[in-house]
Amino acid sequence: MSSRDTILKAIRNSQREATPLPTLEQNWLRFDDPVAHFTTVLQSVGGKCIRVSSTTEIDEQLNLFPQFESASVRTSAVEGVGKPTVNIDSINDPHELENIDFAVLEGQIAVAENGAVWVTDKTLKHRVLYFIAQHLALVVRTSSVVNNMHEAYRQLSFESPRFGAFVSGPSKTADIEQSLVIGAHGPRSHIVFLVDDES
């Protein structure tokens, strides 16, 4: 018997019995007030959450942010919100988006457990906007706030390949000298608007 056969035989003989996978029906994290918890967690990771009664209130809130007021290049994928100066649908080359100062985009699900928002390119021509804009605002329905990642994943569909990501707070890193840097390789600020009633 060759050394190869000896090694493979030893591996086969040392296999353990298969262990059944655990059920996903567990007592996962739940919160008395998921919206309040989402707001707290998002703030703890450098973001900000603002609850509004309708999308018409978002512009009023945006005007309170110096980053928005000073932004010379703004874009928005939320109709009637964000006072865009650039129409992203008219841009074919995503490299032309490198100078976006402020982007207002849609989010689908907000997760109270970790302050994350699920985003896709379903209604967005260039998904790079989530990461290349200097400042990012996401608009999510309050009814789309879930307790934990397990609840979020139950709502997701992976029947066909497409882009999707969970975004939690602004870009940050602490790799260098254990010093936290906000906006190292992505948005420098991150706001989530929770809308109670779409108008």
Protein backbone atom coordinates (compact mmCIF):
# COMPACT_ATOMS: atom_id res chain seq x y z
CA MET A 1 0.00 0.00 0.00
CA SER A 2 1.38 3.40 -0.99
CA SER A 3 1.83 6.27 1.45
CA ARG A 4 -1.04 8.06 -0.28
CA ASP A 5 -3.41 5.12 0.20
CA THR A 6 -2.32 4.78 3.84
CA ILE A 7 -3.08 8.46 4.52
CA LEU A 8 -6.46 8.32 2.76
CA LYS A 9 -7.42 5.14 4.62
CA ALA A 10 -6.52 6.76 7.93
CA ILE A 11 -8.67 9.79 7.07
CA ARG A 12 -11.64 7.60 6.12
CA ASN A 13 -11.34 5.61 9.36
CA SER A 14 -11.25 8.74 11.51
CA GLN A 15 -14.51 10.27 10.22
CA ARG A 16 -16.95 11.14 12.97
CA GLU A 17 -20.66 10.50 12.77
CA ALA A 18 -22.64 13.32 11.21
CA THR A 19 -24.20 15.72 13.67
CA PRO A 20 -27.68 16.98 12.80
CA LEU A 21 -27.89 20.68 12.08
CA PRO A 22 -29.59 22.77 14.77
CA THR A 23 -33.05 24.08 14.03
CA LEU A 24 -33.41 27.76 13.26
CA GLU A 25 -36.52 27.91 15.39
CA GLN A 26 -34.83 29.40 18.44
CA ASN A 27 -35.61 32.10 20.95
CA TRP A 28 -33.67 34.76 19.09
CA LEU A 29 -33.19 38.28 20.41
CA ARG A 30 -36.37 40.30 20.65
CA PHE A 31 -36.89 43.83 21.92
CA ASP A 32 -39.82 45.56 23.59
CA ASP A 33 -39.30 48.49 21.22
CA PRO A 34 -37.31 47.43 18.11
CA VAL A 35 -37.33 50.96 16.66
CA ALA A 36 -35.84 52.45 19.84
CA HIS A 37 -33.21 49.71 19.98
CA PHE A 38 -32.32 50.18 16.31
CA THR A 39 -31.89 53.90 16.96
CA THR A 40 -29.61 53.28 19.95
CA VAL A 41 -27.45 50.69 18.19
CA LEU A 42 -27.10 52.78 15.03
CA GLN A 43 -25.94 55.72 17.13
CA SER A 44 -23.42 53.51 18.92
CA VAL A 45 -21.78 52.63 15.58
CA GLY A 46 -21.54 56.24 14.44
CA GLY A 47 -24.85 56.67 12.60
CA LYS A 48 -28.02 58.62 13.30
CA CYS A 49 -31.67 57.59 13.12
CA ILE A 50 -34.52 60.05 12.64
CA ARG A 51 -38.17 59.02 12.69
CA VAL A 52 -40.51 61.03 10.48
CA SER A 53 -44.23 60.78 9.80
CA SER A 54 -43.83 61.11 6.02
CA THR A 55 -41.19 61.58 3.34
CA THR A 56 -42.11 65.27 3.12
CA GLU A 57 -40.47 65.79 6.51
CA ILE A 58 -37.13 64.37 5.38
CA ASP A 59 -36.03 67.53 3.56
CA GLU A 60 -36.76 69.60 6.66
CA GLN A 61 -34.52 67.29 8.69
CA LEU A 62 -31.79 67.18 6.03
CA ASN A 63 -31.55 70.96 6.11
CA LEU A 64 -30.38 70.68 9.72
CA PHE A 65 -27.24 68.79 8.67
CA PRO A 66 -24.21 70.88 7.62
CA GLN A 67 -23.04 67.97 5.42
CA PHE A 68 -26.22 68.26 3.37
CA GLU A 69 -26.30 72.05 3.23
CA SER A 70 -22.68 72.26 2.09
CA ALA A 71 -22.98 69.42 -0.45
CA SER A 72 -22.56 70.81 -3.97
CA VAL A 73 -23.25 67.45 -5.65
CA ARG A 74 -26.36 65.68 -4.34
CA THR A 75 -28.33 62.77 -5.68
CA SER A 76 -31.47 60.98 -4.59
CA ALA A 77 -33.22 57.75 -5.52
CA VAL A 78 -36.22 58.64 -3.33
CA GLU A 79 -38.79 60.63 -5.27
CA GLY A 80 -39.31 64.17 -4.03
CA VAL A 81 -36.55 63.96 -1.42
CA GLY A 82 -33.01 65.28 -1.19
CA LYS A 83 -32.93 68.24 -3.64
CA PRO A 84 -30.72 66.36 -6.16
CA THR A 85 -28.31 68.27 -8.37
CA VAL A 86 -27.44 65.16 -10.39
CA ASN A 87 -29.78 62.73 -12.13
CA ILE A 88 -28.15 59.35 -11.53
CA ASP A 89 -30.34 57.63 -14.13
CA SER A 90 -28.70 59.74 -16.84
CA ILE A 91 -25.21 58.54 -15.89
CA ASN A 92 -23.95 55.36 -17.56
CA ASP A 93 -20.38 55.23 -16.27
CA PRO A 94 -20.27 54.73 -12.47
CA HIS A 95 -16.83 56.39 -12.42
CA GLU A 96 -18.64 59.68 -12.98
CA LEU A 97 -20.17 59.34 -9.50
CA GLU A 98 -16.85 59.84 -7.69
CA ASN A 99 -17.75 63.40 -6.72
CA ILE A 100 -21.11 62.69 -5.06
CA ASP A 101 -21.19 64.58 -1.78
CA PHE A 102 -24.57 63.42 -0.47
CA ALA A 103 -26.83 60.54 -1.54
CA VAL A 104 -30.36 59.78 -0.39
CA LEU A 105 -31.19 56.14 -1.17
CA GLU A 106 -33.75 53.51 -0.25
CA GLY A 107 -33.28 50.77 2.32
CA GLN A 108 -35.52 47.72 2.57
CA ILE A 109 -35.14 46.25 6.08
CA ALA A 110 -33.73 47.72 9.30
CA VAL A 111 -32.38 45.34 11.96
CA ALA A 112 -32.67 46.38 15.61
CA GLU A 113 -30.08 43.83 16.77
CA ASN A 114 -27.14 45.50 15.01
CA GLY A 115 -28.37 48.76 13.47
CA ALA A 116 -27.96 47.36 9.95
CA VAL A 117 -30.08 48.20 6.89
CA TRP A 118 -30.53 45.82 3.96
CA VAL A 119 -29.93 47.58 0.64
CA THR A 120 -30.15 46.32 -2.94
CA ASP A 121 -29.76 47.66 -6.46
CA LYS A 122 -33.31 46.67 -7.39
CA THR A 123 -34.34 50.30 -7.93
CA LEU A 124 -30.85 51.78 -8.23
CA LYS A 125 -28.83 51.97 -11.44
CA HIS A 126 -25.43 52.17 -9.73
CA ARG A 127 -24.97 50.23 -6.49
CA VAL A 128 -21.61 51.92 -5.93
CA LEU A 129 -23.57 54.92 -4.60
CA TYR A 130 -23.99 53.16 -1.26
CA PHE A 131 -20.23 53.27 -0.78
CA ILE A 132 -18.81 56.12 -2.84
CA ALA A 133 -20.92 59.02 -1.58
CA GLN A 134 -19.25 61.18 1.06
CA HIS A 135 -22.46 61.19 3.12
CA LEU A 136 -25.30 58.67 2.95
CA ALA A 137 -28.95 58.85 4.02
CA LEU A 138 -31.17 55.77 3.81
CA VAL A 139 -34.96 55.92 3.83
CA VAL A 140 -36.71 52.90 5.37
CA ARG A 141 -40.31 52.29 6.39
CA THR A 142 -40.77 52.00 10.14
CA SER A 143 -42.85 48.86 9.55
CA SER A 144 -39.73 47.26 8.03
CA VAL A 145 -37.81 47.27 11.32
CA VAL A 146 -37.21 43.70 12.55
CA ASN A 147 -35.74 42.43 15.79
CA ASN A 148 -32.83 40.34 14.54
CA MET A 149 -30.94 39.01 11.53
CA HIS A 150 -32.96 35.79 11.50
CA GLU A 151 -36.17 37.76 10.96
CA ALA A 152 -34.43 39.81 8.27
CA TYR A 153 -33.20 36.77 6.35
CA ARG A 154 -36.69 35.26 6.34
CA GLN A 155 -37.76 38.23 4.24
CA LEU A 156 -34.93 37.95 1.72
CA SER A 157 -35.13 36.06 -1.54
CA PHE A 158 -32.10 34.49 -3.22
CA GLU A 159 -33.89 32.89 -6.17
CA SER A 160 -31.78 34.83 -8.65
CA PRO A 161 -28.31 36.37 -8.36
CA ARG A 162 -28.31 40.07 -7.52
CA PHE A 163 -26.59 42.59 -5.28
CA GLY A 164 -27.54 43.03 -1.64
CA ALA A 165 -25.73 44.13 1.51
CA PHE A 166 -26.32 45.04 5.13
CA VAL A 167 -25.01 48.55 5.93
CA SER A 168 -24.55 49.61 9.54
CA GLY A 169 -23.33 53.13 10.22
CA PRO A 170 -20.67 55.10 8.34
CA SER A 171 -17.46 53.55 7.03
CA LYS A 172 -14.95 52.91 9.81
CA THR A 173 -11.74 51.09 10.59
CA ALA A 174 -9.54 50.60 13.63
CA ASP A 175 -6.78 48.59 11.96
CA ILE A 176 -4.11 51.26 12.28
CA GLU A 177 -2.71 51.70 15.80
CA GLN A 178 -6.12 50.68 17.20
CA SER A 179 -7.44 54.15 16.45
CA LEU A 180 -11.03 54.35 15.20
CA VAL A 181 -11.29 56.29 11.94
CA ILE A 182 -14.73 57.21 10.56
CA GLY A 183 -15.10 57.44 6.78
CA ALA A 184 -11.86 55.64 5.96
CA HIS A 185 -13.11 54.00 2.77
CA GLY A 186 -16.75 54.90 2.41
CA PRO A 187 -19.41 57.35 3.64
CA ARG A 188 -18.23 59.68 6.40
CA SER A 189 -21.73 60.03 7.84
CA HIS A 190 -24.81 57.83 7.80
CA ILE A 191 -28.42 58.79 8.54
CA VAL A 192 -31.42 56.47 8.53
CA PHE A 193 -34.85 58.03 8.15
CA LEU A 194 -37.62 55.77 9.43
CA VAL A 195 -40.84 56.79 7.70
CA ASP A 196 -44.11 56.00 9.45
CA ASP A 197 -46.39 56.79 6.54
CA GLU A 198 -45.28 57.00 2.92
CA SER A 199 -46.91 59.96 1.21
